[in-house]
Amino acid sequence: MEKAELLSLIASAKNKDQKAQTRLINAHWVDVFSFVLKKVQDENAADEITVSVFSKVLAKLDLFDPNFQFKTWILTIAQNSVIDYWRRKARENEDSTDNFDDFKNHFARSPEELLISEEEQKQIISVIESLDSNYQDIIRLRFFEEKSIKEIAEELNLTVANTKVRIMRAKKVLAELLKNNEFED
């Protein structure tokens, strides 16, 4: 893709043109996924990180400086995301005994605490049900039925790339709605 065409595509994507955003993602998906996969050696983790990278890319397009290479900018975001991934993994390993304590404490929770958790879960499900049916399907398949991106693509008769974009958008919309929906103590 030539620089002028790329800059035009970036400008359209900044203006929330979904076709331009999809083209931008599709044009760079393989490079980012391959880069991330080499770093994490786990296809599922690489998929999740790559979706996260493009979510960040779309959210921060106004920060891109056209004097630099777009691919380099995206791969820098990918590198930082991989670093964050390894930091989280290291913390999870350090906290493994803490997680066991939390697990044990789950059984020691009072009925009131369990009721509050159920209420929060009902609120989250209510927010999910308010989403567009396409987003509901994507969220149900990915997070409740824990299907792979490939399985979701086959079930919904979509391309893998389109499925990834839809998952990213559904997560973004859901996160925004949950943030706006007050979970008060």
C-alpha atoms as a PDB file:
ATOM      1  CA  MET A   1       0.000   0.000   0.000  1.00  0.00           C
ATOM      2  CA  GLU A   2       1.409   3.377  -0.990  1.00  0.00           C
ATOM      3  CA  LYS A   3       1.935   6.087   1.610  1.00  0.00           C
ATOM      4  CA  ALA A   4      -0.752   8.427   0.178  1.00  0.00           C
ATOM      5  CA  GLU A   5      -3.302   5.609   0.119  1.00  0.00           C
ATOM      6  CA  LEU A   6      -2.352   4.579   3.665  1.00  0.00           C
ATOM      7  CA  LEU A   7      -2.667   8.167   4.982  1.00  0.00           C
ATOM      8  CA  SER A   8      -6.071   8.493   3.317  1.00  0.00           C
ATOM      9  CA  LEU A   9      -7.166   5.208   4.895  1.00  0.00           C
ATOM     10  CA  ILE A  10      -5.912   6.360   8.324  1.00  0.00           C
ATOM     11  CA  ALA A  11      -7.816   9.658   7.962  1.00  0.00           C
ATOM     12  CA  SER A  12     -11.031   7.782   7.139  1.00  0.00           C
ATOM     13  CA  ALA A  13     -10.474   5.359  10.032  1.00  0.00           C
ATOM     14  CA  LYS A  14      -9.990   8.334  12.403  1.00  0.00           C
ATOM     15  CA  ASN A  15     -13.440   9.527  11.329  1.00  0.00           C
ATOM     16  CA  LYS A  16     -14.920   6.200  12.503  1.00  0.00           C
ATOM     17  CA  ASP A  17     -15.362   4.832   8.952  1.00  0.00           C
ATOM     18  CA  GLN A  18     -15.769   1.137   9.821  1.00  0.00           C
ATOM     19  CA  LYS A  19     -14.812  -0.074   6.331  1.00  0.00           C
ATOM     20  CA  ALA A  20     -11.593   1.934   6.505  1.00  0.00           C
ATOM     21  CA  GLN A  21     -10.896   0.592  10.001  1.00  0.00           C
ATOM     22  CA  THR A  22     -11.434  -2.973   8.785  1.00  0.00           C
ATOM     23  CA  ARG A  23      -9.166  -2.429   5.748  1.00  0.00           C
ATOM     24  CA  LEU A  24      -6.483  -0.939   7.992  1.00  0.00           C
ATOM     25  CA  ILE A  25      -6.685  -3.905  10.367  1.00  0.00           C
ATOM     26  CA  ASN A  26      -6.722  -6.462   7.557  1.00  0.00           C
ATOM     27  CA  ALA A  27      -3.707  -4.813   5.895  1.00  0.00           C
ATOM     28  CA  HIS A  28      -1.586  -5.158   9.048  1.00  0.00           C
ATOM     29  CA  TRP A  29      -3.121  -8.155  10.867  1.00  0.00           C
ATOM     30  CA  VAL A  30      -0.673 -10.796   9.646  1.00  0.00           C
ATOM     31  CA  ASP A  31       2.393  -8.667  10.481  1.00  0.00           C
ATOM     32  CA  VAL A  32       1.179  -7.927  13.998  1.00  0.00           C
ATOM     33  CA  PHE A  33      -0.070 -11.450  14.706  1.00  0.00           C
ATOM     34  CA  SER A  34       3.200 -12.999  13.471  1.00  0.00           C
ATOM     35  CA  PHE A  35       5.243 -10.551  15.547  1.00  0.00           C
ATOM     36  CA  VAL A  36       3.199 -11.269  18.690  1.00  0.00           C
ATOM     37  CA  LEU A  37       3.162 -15.043  18.131  1.00  0.00           C
ATOM     38  CA  LYS A  38       6.981 -15.106  17.949  1.00  0.00           C
ATOM     39  CA  LYS A  39       7.097 -13.318  21.308  1.00  0.00           C
ATOM     40  CA  VAL A  40       4.461 -15.312  23.239  1.00  0.00           C
ATOM     41  CA  GLN A  41       4.566 -18.747  21.540  1.00  0.00           C
ATOM     42  CA  ASP A  42       0.834 -19.279  22.182  1.00  0.00           C
ATOM     43  CA  GLU A  43      -1.700 -18.875  19.389  1.00  0.00           C
ATOM     44  CA  ASN A  44      -4.664 -18.034  21.652  1.00  0.00           C
ATOM     45  CA  ALA A  45      -2.675 -15.460  23.607  1.00  0.00           C
ATOM     46  CA  ALA A  46      -1.329 -14.025  20.342  1.00  0.00           C
ATOM     47  CA  ASP A  47      -4.898 -13.725  19.029  1.00  0.00           C
ATOM     48  CA  GLU A  48      -6.072 -11.894  22.153  1.00  0.00           C
ATOM     49  CA  ILE A  49      -3.049  -9.592  22.209  1.00  0.00           C
ATOM     50  CA  THR A  50      -3.418  -8.795  18.504  1.00  0.00           C
ATOM     51  CA  VAL A  51      -7.093  -7.897  18.981  1.00  0.00           C
ATOM     52  CA  SER A  52      -6.049  -5.695  21.892  1.00  0.00           C
ATOM     53  CA  VAL A  53      -3.305  -4.050  19.796  1.00  0.00           C
ATOM     54  CA  PHE A  54      -5.748  -3.079  17.054  1.00  0.00           C
ATOM     55  CA  SER A  55      -8.225  -1.823  19.623  1.00  0.00           C
ATOM     56  CA  LYS A  56      -5.475   0.483  20.927  1.00  0.00           C
ATOM     57  CA  VAL A  57      -4.436   1.454  17.394  1.00  0.00           C
ATOM     58  CA  LEU A  58      -7.978   2.533  16.494  1.00  0.00           C
ATOM     59  CA  ALA A  59      -8.425   4.360  19.800  1.00  0.00           C
ATOM     60  CA  LYS A  60      -5.151   6.272  19.404  1.00  0.00           C
ATOM     61  CA  LEU A  61      -5.067   6.989  15.666  1.00  0.00           C
ATOM     62  CA  ASP A  62      -4.933  10.745  16.315  1.00  0.00           C
ATOM     63  CA  LEU A  63      -1.559  10.195  18.043  1.00  0.00           C
ATOM     64  CA  PHE A  64       0.028   8.715  14.903  1.00  0.00           C
ATOM     65  CA  ASP A  65       2.663  11.009  13.381  1.00  0.00           C
ATOM     66  CA  PRO A  66       2.585  10.693   9.550  1.00  0.00           C
ATOM     67  CA  ASN A  67       6.331  11.486   9.461  1.00  0.00           C
ATOM     68  CA  PHE A  68       6.970   7.955  10.748  1.00  0.00           C
ATOM     69  CA  GLN A  69       6.185   4.519   9.353  1.00  0.00           C
ATOM     70  CA  PHE A  70       2.677   3.342  10.323  1.00  0.00           C
ATOM     71  CA  LYS A  71       3.801  -0.284  10.552  1.00  0.00           C
ATOM     72  CA  THR A  72       6.577   0.672  12.983  1.00  0.00           C
ATOM     73  CA  TRP A  73       4.059   2.575  15.114  1.00  0.00           C
ATOM     74  CA  ILE A  74       1.708  -0.433  15.225  1.00  0.00           C
ATOM     75  CA  LEU A  75       4.544  -2.848  16.040  1.00  0.00           C
ATOM     76  CA  THR A  76       5.653  -0.557  18.869  1.00  0.00           C
ATOM     77  CA  ILE A  77       2.147  -0.798  20.327  1.00  0.00           C
ATOM     78  CA  ALA A  78       2.326  -4.574  19.826  1.00  0.00           C
ATOM     79  CA  GLN A  79       5.709  -4.753  21.584  1.00  0.00           C
ATOM     80  CA  ASN A  80       4.343  -2.792  24.555  1.00  0.00           C
ATOM     81  CA  SER A  81       1.292  -5.063  24.675  1.00  0.00           C
ATOM     82  CA  VAL A  82       3.534  -8.134  24.717  1.00  0.00           C
ATOM     83  CA  ILE A  83       5.561  -6.618  27.576  1.00  0.00           C
ATOM     84  CA  ASP A  84       2.305  -5.999  29.485  1.00  0.00           C
ATOM     85  CA  TYR A  85       1.258  -9.603  28.791  1.00  0.00           C
ATOM     86  CA  TRP A  86       4.507 -10.992  30.259  1.00  0.00           C
ATOM     87  CA  ARG A  87       4.252  -8.685  33.264  1.00  0.00           C
ATOM     88  CA  ARG A  88       0.715  -9.957  33.943  1.00  0.00           C
ATOM     89  CA  LYS A  89       1.911 -13.559  33.564  1.00  0.00           C
ATOM     90  CA  ALA A  90       4.751 -12.932  36.026  1.00  0.00           C
ATOM     91  CA  ARG A  91       2.333 -11.381  38.528  1.00  0.00           C
ATOM     92  CA  GLU A  92      -0.059 -14.330  38.112  1.00  0.00           C
ATOM     93  CA  ASN A  93       2.780 -16.731  38.914  1.00  0.00           C
ATOM     94  CA  GLU A  94       3.810 -14.686  41.953  1.00  0.00           C
ATOM     95  CA  ASP A  95       0.236 -14.483  43.168  1.00  0.00           C
ATOM     96  CA  SER A  96      -0.613 -18.157  42.604  1.00  0.00           C
ATOM     97  CA  THR A  97      -0.881 -18.815  46.348  1.00  0.00           C
ATOM     98  CA  ASP A  98      -2.948 -15.646  46.757  1.00  0.00           C
ATOM     99  CA  ASN A  99      -5.334 -16.982  44.123  1.00  0.00           C
ATOM    100  CA  PHE A 100      -5.668 -20.181  46.135  1.00  0.00           C
ATOM    101  CA  ASP A 101      -6.530 -18.117  49.236  1.00  0.00           C
ATOM    102  CA  ASP A 102      -9.138 -16.222  47.205  1.00  0.00           C
ATOM    103  CA  PHE A 103     -10.535 -19.523  45.995  1.00  0.00           C
ATOM    104  CA  LYS A 104     -10.748 -20.839  49.552  1.00  0.00           C
ATOM    105  CA  ASN A 105     -12.338 -17.587  50.693  1.00  0.00           C
ATOM    106  CA  HIS A 106     -15.013 -17.950  48.005  1.00  0.00           C
ATOM    107  CA  PHE A 107     -16.467 -20.792  50.053  1.00  0.00           C
ATOM    108  CA  ALA A 108     -16.296 -18.669  53.186  1.00  0.00           C
ATOM    109  CA  ARG A 109     -18.310 -15.815  51.685  1.00  0.00           C
ATOM    110  CA  SER A 110     -21.454 -14.777  53.430  1.00  0.00           C
ATOM    111  CA  PRO A 111     -24.828 -15.165  51.706  1.00  0.00           C
ATOM    112  CA  GLU A 112     -24.938 -11.352  51.418  1.00  0.00           C
ATOM    113  CA  GLU A 113     -21.619 -11.281  49.523  1.00  0.00           C
ATOM    114  CA  LEU A 114     -22.792 -14.028  47.195  1.00  0.00           C
ATOM    115  CA  LEU A 115     -26.030 -12.135  46.561  1.00  0.00           C
ATOM    116  CA  ILE A 116     -24.080  -8.984  45.663  1.00  0.00           C
ATOM    117  CA  SER A 117     -21.990 -10.977  43.171  1.00  0.00           C
ATOM    118  CA  GLU A 118     -25.174 -12.377  41.633  1.00  0.00           C
ATOM    119  CA  GLU A 119     -26.594  -8.844  41.381  1.00  0.00           C
ATOM    120  CA  GLU A 120     -23.476  -7.616  39.571  1.00  0.00           C
ATOM    121  CA  GLN A 121     -23.656 -10.600  37.230  1.00  0.00           C
ATOM    122  CA  LYS A 122     -27.323  -9.819  36.484  1.00  0.00           C
ATOM    123  CA  GLN A 123     -26.372  -6.189  35.739  1.00  0.00           C
ATOM    124  CA  ILE A 124     -23.642  -7.299  33.344  1.00  0.00           C
ATOM    125  CA  ILE A 125     -25.982  -9.738  31.583  1.00  0.00           C
ATOM    126  CA  SER A 126     -28.587  -6.987  31.347  1.00  0.00           C
ATOM    127  CA  VAL A 127     -26.036  -4.696  29.691  1.00  0.00           C
ATOM    128  CA  ILE A 128     -25.053  -7.476  27.270  1.00  0.00           C
ATOM    129  CA  GLU A 129     -28.722  -8.022  26.390  1.00  0.00           C
ATOM    130  CA  SER A 130     -29.031  -4.324  25.504  1.00  0.00           C
ATOM    131  CA  LEU A 131     -26.355  -4.711  22.815  1.00  0.00           C
ATOM    132  CA  ASP A 132     -26.976  -5.217  19.115  1.00  0.00           C
ATOM    133  CA  SER A 133     -27.730  -8.907  18.415  1.00  0.00           C
ATOM    134  CA  ASN A 134     -24.486  -9.333  16.420  1.00  0.00           C
ATOM    135  CA  TYR A 135     -22.463  -8.176  19.430  1.00  0.00           C
ATOM    136  CA  GLN A 136     -24.534 -10.382  21.750  1.00  0.00           C
ATOM    137  CA  ASP A 137     -23.765 -13.431  19.590  1.00  0.00           C
ATOM    138  CA  ILE A 138     -20.048 -12.647  19.456  1.00  0.00           C
ATOM    139  CA  ILE A 139     -19.830 -12.125  23.239  1.00  0.00           C
ATOM    140  CA  ARG A 140     -21.875 -15.256  23.969  1.00  0.00           C
ATOM    141  CA  LEU A 141     -19.761 -17.441  21.695  1.00  0.00           C
ATOM    142  CA  ARG A 142     -16.382 -16.029  22.733  1.00  0.00           C
ATOM    143  CA  PHE A 143     -16.782 -15.474  26.459  1.00  0.00           C
ATOM    144  CA  PHE A 144     -19.641 -17.679  27.655  1.00  0.00           C
ATOM    145  CA  GLU A 145     -19.159 -20.662  25.340  1.00  0.00           C
ATOM    146  CA  GLU A 146     -15.381 -19.978  25.133  1.00  0.00           C
ATOM    147  CA  LYS A 147     -15.168 -20.842  21.442  1.00  0.00           C
ATOM    148  CA  SER A 148     -12.068 -20.093  19.391  1.00  0.00           C
ATOM    149  CA  ILE A 149     -12.091 -17.299  16.837  1.00  0.00           C
ATOM    150  CA  LYS A 150     -12.016 -19.896  14.059  1.00  0.00           C
ATOM    151  CA  GLU A 151     -15.048 -21.732  15.509  1.00  0.00           C
ATOM    152  CA  ILE A 152     -16.966 -18.464  15.809  1.00  0.00           C
ATOM    153  CA  ALA A 153     -16.093 -17.523  12.220  1.00  0.00           C
ATOM    154  CA  GLU A 154     -17.397 -20.875  10.973  1.00  0.00           C
ATOM    155  CA  GLU A 155     -20.564 -20.696  13.065  1.00  0.00           C
ATOM    156  CA  LEU A 156     -21.416 -17.134  11.985  1.00  0.00           C
ATOM    157  CA  ASN A 157     -20.228 -17.713   8.413  1.00  0.00           C
ATOM    158  CA  LEU A 158     -17.654 -14.890   8.611  1.00  0.00           C
ATOM    159  CA  THR A 159     -13.997 -14.605   7.743  1.00  0.00           C
ATOM    160  CA  VAL A 160     -11.546 -15.010  10.630  1.00  0.00           C
ATOM    161  CA  ALA A 161     -10.385 -11.404  10.151  1.00  0.00           C
ATOM    162  CA  ASN A 162     -13.958 -10.088  10.253  1.00  0.00           C
ATOM    163  CA  THR A 163     -14.642 -12.179  13.358  1.00  0.00           C
ATOM    164  CA  LYS A 164     -11.615 -10.673  15.100  1.00  0.00           C
ATOM    165  CA  VAL A 165     -12.749  -7.162  14.237  1.00  0.00           C
ATOM    166  CA  ARG A 166     -16.264  -7.899  15.522  1.00  0.00           C
ATOM    167  CA  ILE A 167     -14.901  -9.320  18.787  1.00  0.00           C
ATOM    168  CA  MET A 168     -12.761  -6.239  19.252  1.00  0.00           C
ATOM    169  CA  ARG A 169     -15.700  -3.901  18.574  1.00  0.00           C
ATOM    170  CA  ALA A 170     -18.067  -5.887  20.815  1.00  0.00           C
ATOM    171  CA  LYS A 171     -15.545  -5.762  23.672  1.00  0.00           C
ATOM    172  CA  LYS A 172     -15.083  -2.028  23.151  1.00  0.00           C
ATOM    173  CA  VAL A 173     -18.835  -1.315  23.148  1.00  0.00           C
ATOM    174  CA  LEU A 174     -19.427  -3.574  26.156  1.00  0.00           C
ATOM    175  CA  ALA A 175     -16.573  -1.988  28.120  1.00  0.00           C
ATOM    176  CA  GLU A 176     -17.957   1.478  27.403  1.00  0.00           C
ATOM    177  CA  LEU A 177     -21.470   0.474  28.476  1.00  0.00           C
ATOM    178  CA  LEU A 178     -20.191  -1.194  31.648  1.00  0.00           C
ATOM    179  CA  LYS A 179     -18.104   1.872  32.442  1.00  0.00           C
ATOM    180  CA  ASN A 180     -21.159   4.118  32.002  1.00  0.00           C
ATOM    181  CA  ASN A 181     -23.409   1.709  33.911  1.00  0.00           C
ATOM    182  CA  GLU A 182     -22.769   2.533  37.544  1.00  0.00           C
ATOM    183  CA  PHE A 183     -21.696  -0.378  39.717  1.00  0.00           C
ATOM    184  CA  GLU A 184     -22.067   1.290  43.079  1.00  0.00           C
ATOM    185  CA  ASP A 185     -21.159  -0.226  46.411  1.00  0.00           C
END
